[in-house]
Amino acid sequence: MIAQIEEYLALAMMLPIASFVGLGIGYLLDKAFGTHFLQIVFLILGVAGGFLELIRRLLEDTRDGRD
C-alpha cells in the first residue's frame, strides 16, 4: 500500500520537476550564449518529457492490471 502511494506521489512530482529542469537548462544556456529563446524551448521540452514519462508509467500500470 505504501509503495503505491510513493509511486503515485512520484508521478505527481514528475511533471513539475521536469518542467523546472528544462527551464533551468534553458536559462543557463541563454546566459551562456546571450540568447533569449532557449529558455522557452527547453521548458517545452521539459513539459513534453514529463508528459511522456507520465503516460508511459500510467500505461504500464494499466497493463499490469492495477488501477
C-alpha atoms as a PDB file:
ATOM      1  CA  MET A   1       0.000   0.000   0.000  1.00  0.00           C
ATOM      2  CA  ILE A   2       2.744   2.471   0.929  1.00  0.00           C
ATOM      3  CA  ALA A   3       4.666   1.520  -2.212  1.00  0.00           C
ATOM      4  CA  GLN A   4       1.669   2.523  -4.347  1.00  0.00           C
ATOM      5  CA  ILE A   5       1.357   5.830  -2.508  1.00  0.00           C
ATOM      6  CA  GLU A   6       5.041   6.538  -3.101  1.00  0.00           C
ATOM      7  CA  GLU A   7       4.687   5.626  -6.774  1.00  0.00           C
ATOM      8  CA  TYR A   8       1.765   7.992  -7.306  1.00  0.00           C
ATOM      9  CA  LEU A   9       3.444  10.793  -5.373  1.00  0.00           C
ATOM     10  CA  ALA A  10       6.431  10.383  -7.680  1.00  0.00           C
ATOM     11  CA  LEU A  11       4.086  10.634 -10.667  1.00  0.00           C
ATOM     12  CA  ALA A  12       2.577  13.818  -9.264  1.00  0.00           C
ATOM     13  CA  MET A  13       6.010  15.397  -8.861  1.00  0.00           C
ATOM     14  CA  MET A  14       7.418  14.258 -12.201  1.00  0.00           C
ATOM     15  CA  LEU A  15       5.827  16.918 -14.415  1.00  0.00           C
ATOM     16  CA  PRO A  16       6.752  19.963 -12.292  1.00  0.00           C
ATOM     17  CA  ILE A  17      10.299  18.704 -11.767  1.00  0.00           C
ATOM     18  CA  ALA A  18      10.784  18.006 -15.491  1.00  0.00           C
ATOM     19  CA  SER A  19       9.450  21.488 -16.283  1.00  0.00           C
ATOM     20  CA  PHE A  20      11.769  23.215 -13.818  1.00  0.00           C
ATOM     21  CA  VAL A  21      14.779  21.224 -15.025  1.00  0.00           C
ATOM     22  CA  GLY A  22      14.035  22.195 -18.632  1.00  0.00           C
ATOM     23  CA  LEU A  23      13.558  25.810 -17.613  1.00  0.00           C
ATOM     24  CA  GLY A  24      16.820  25.799 -15.664  1.00  0.00           C
ATOM     25  CA  ILE A  25      18.799  24.301 -18.531  1.00  0.00           C
ATOM     26  CA  GLY A  26      17.329  26.835 -20.940  1.00  0.00           C
ATOM     27  CA  TYR A  27      18.080  29.691 -18.553  1.00  0.00           C
ATOM     28  CA  LEU A  28      21.703  28.624 -18.174  1.00  0.00           C
ATOM     29  CA  LEU A  29      22.124  28.205 -21.927  1.00  0.00           C
ATOM     30  CA  ASP A  30      20.555  31.615 -22.555  1.00  0.00           C
ATOM     31  CA  LYS A  31      23.031  33.170 -20.133  1.00  0.00           C
ATOM     32  CA  ALA A  32      25.952  31.304 -21.713  1.00  0.00           C
ATOM     33  CA  PHE A  33      25.081  32.179 -25.323  1.00  0.00           C
ATOM     34  CA  GLY A  34      23.429  35.563 -24.782  1.00  0.00           C
ATOM     35  CA  THR A  35      20.120  34.466 -26.311  1.00  0.00           C
ATOM     36  CA  HIS A  36      16.540  34.799 -25.097  1.00  0.00           C
ATOM     37  CA  PHE A  37      14.641  31.893 -26.650  1.00  0.00           C
ATOM     38  CA  LEU A  38      16.320  28.733 -25.346  1.00  0.00           C
ATOM     39  CA  GLN A  39      14.548  29.043 -22.006  1.00  0.00           C
ATOM     40  CA  ILE A  40      11.170  28.623 -23.725  1.00  0.00           C
ATOM     41  CA  VAL A  41      12.415  25.802 -25.959  1.00  0.00           C
ATOM     42  CA  PHE A  42      13.778  23.785 -23.055  1.00  0.00           C
ATOM     43  CA  LEU A  43      10.714  24.489 -20.933  1.00  0.00           C
ATOM     44  CA  ILE A  44       8.558  22.999 -23.684  1.00  0.00           C
ATOM     45  CA  LEU A  45      10.926  20.032 -23.960  1.00  0.00           C
ATOM     46  CA  GLY A  46      10.777  19.525 -20.181  1.00  0.00           C
ATOM     47  CA  VAL A  47       6.972  19.589 -20.160  1.00  0.00           C
ATOM     48  CA  ALA A  48       6.814  17.200 -23.120  1.00  0.00           C
ATOM     49  CA  GLY A  49       9.286  14.825 -21.476  1.00  0.00           C
ATOM     50  CA  GLY A  50       7.323  14.906 -18.227  1.00  0.00           C
ATOM     51  CA  PHE A  51       4.069  14.113 -20.034  1.00  0.00           C
ATOM     52  CA  LEU A  52       5.681  11.282 -21.990  1.00  0.00           C
ATOM     53  CA  GLU A  53       7.039   9.657 -18.842  1.00  0.00           C
ATOM     54  CA  LEU A  54       3.693  10.133 -17.098  1.00  0.00           C
ATOM     55  CA  ILE A  55       1.856   8.441 -19.964  1.00  0.00           C
ATOM     56  CA  ARG A  56       4.396   5.597 -20.088  1.00  0.00           C
ATOM     57  CA  ARG A  57       4.009   4.855 -16.389  1.00  0.00           C
ATOM     58  CA  LEU A  58       0.229   5.059 -16.496  1.00  0.00           C
ATOM     59  CA  LEU A  59       0.088   2.716 -19.470  1.00  0.00           C
ATOM     60  CA  GLU A  60       2.440   0.337 -17.678  1.00  0.00           C
ATOM     61  CA  ASP A  61       0.208   0.402 -14.597  1.00  0.00           C
ATOM     62  CA  THR A  62      -2.933  -0.293 -16.588  1.00  0.00           C
ATOM     63  CA  ARG A  63      -1.198  -3.084 -18.491  1.00  0.00           C
ATOM     64  CA  ASP A  64      -0.248  -4.707 -15.191  1.00  0.00           C
ATOM     65  CA  GLY A  65      -3.893  -4.682 -14.144  1.00  0.00           C
ATOM     66  CA  ARG A  66      -3.553  -2.055 -11.439  1.00  0.00           C
ATOM     67  CA  ASP A  67      -5.872   0.948 -11.240  1.00  0.00           C
END
